[in-house]
Amino acid sequence: MTYKIQETRIVLIFCTIFQLFSVAYCEAAGNDGSKQYVKGEIIANILNVRAKPAVKFEVVCQLRKGDIIDIKKTQGEWLGISAPHHAEAWISKNKLDSENKTIDKTFVYSGPGTIFSTYTTLVKNYTVQKVKVYEDKWVKIIPPDNAIVWIHRNYVRKEMVKNPSSTPDSSTVEKINSHSSQKPLEEKHSQRHDKNESDIKEPTESNRVAPLAGKPVEPTLTYIGKSKKVEKTGTIILLGDDHKPFTYSIAISIDSQYYPLAYLSSGNFNLDDWNRQKVKLKGRQRWLKGWPRPVIEIDSLESIEGID
């Protein structure tokens, strides 16, 4: 009898530990033997979805209040969800054959360039669904069904949903709020959300810049590696005080969306006079430890098409 009691206690302890580390597991058996899946409902007006589970990684899309998502995994305070169809997903064009099939294992990037984070891969002979092509080098695609992207758990209401006949739809985000397409009011943050305010975003008319990964928590300027001469063509974009001391970047523009490529150190140039202008610049580029983009110290700057 004593042995059975001890065995039972061990099992209960194990189950408790397992539940603590599996708050949002993807699949479970219900009391009636049916399968259950964790669904989530977005409770923030607009929520950033990131390539990886930390605010330092790129925002690949945004979700709105009332959107329903499939929770696939957890990591700390982050929930891994199925990538929505509208998420940023880019691959190199030279990885595709004439039938839009991958010729080898292919990384999927969160923007049109290797400077952006990767968050999934495609197997050889995978047929992609093209969305657009940039400069005949990069192809935007619909993310594959197994792609996982990340949101902060503070802004999600979770529930178990019975679905004995099929797995959750991994390619769509279901709208259950009929007003979710309207411009939302500014989100009101509770005290426990303050540290994650950067993951709630209110759109404005000028909000056309793809959000950059965050700078380090302690943004000391430690340069790594050697500098190199570069020449870039793009649009000078104001990033704002969140990226001090580098408040401007040079970005490429695709369908009125700007993708920052590098921070700018202005030198003798007043970049306020160059905001939203397409330019050609030359300078020296270096990386900073922990920062998501390199810094270009500008040597020369010229306008090529005027104001964007």
Foldseek 3Di string as FASTA:
>chain_A
DVVVVVVVVVVVVVVVVVCVQCVQAAWDADPVRFIKGKKKFFQFQKFFWFLDPDLLAFGFDIDGGQKIWGFHGDDVQKTKTQDEQSGWWKWWPVQADPQQFGQAKTFTFSDFDPLGDTRDIDGGRDHWAFDDDDPNTMTTTGDDLPTIIMTGNVRIDMDMDGDRPDGDRRHHIDGPDPCSVPQDDHGDDDPVCVVVVVRRDHDDPLPQERDHRAADPPNDFAWDDDKDKDKDWAAKAAQDPRDPPQRIFGFHDDPSHTYGAATEDEVPDDCVVRHQFIKIWIFIWTDGPRHSHIYGYTDDIDGDDGHD
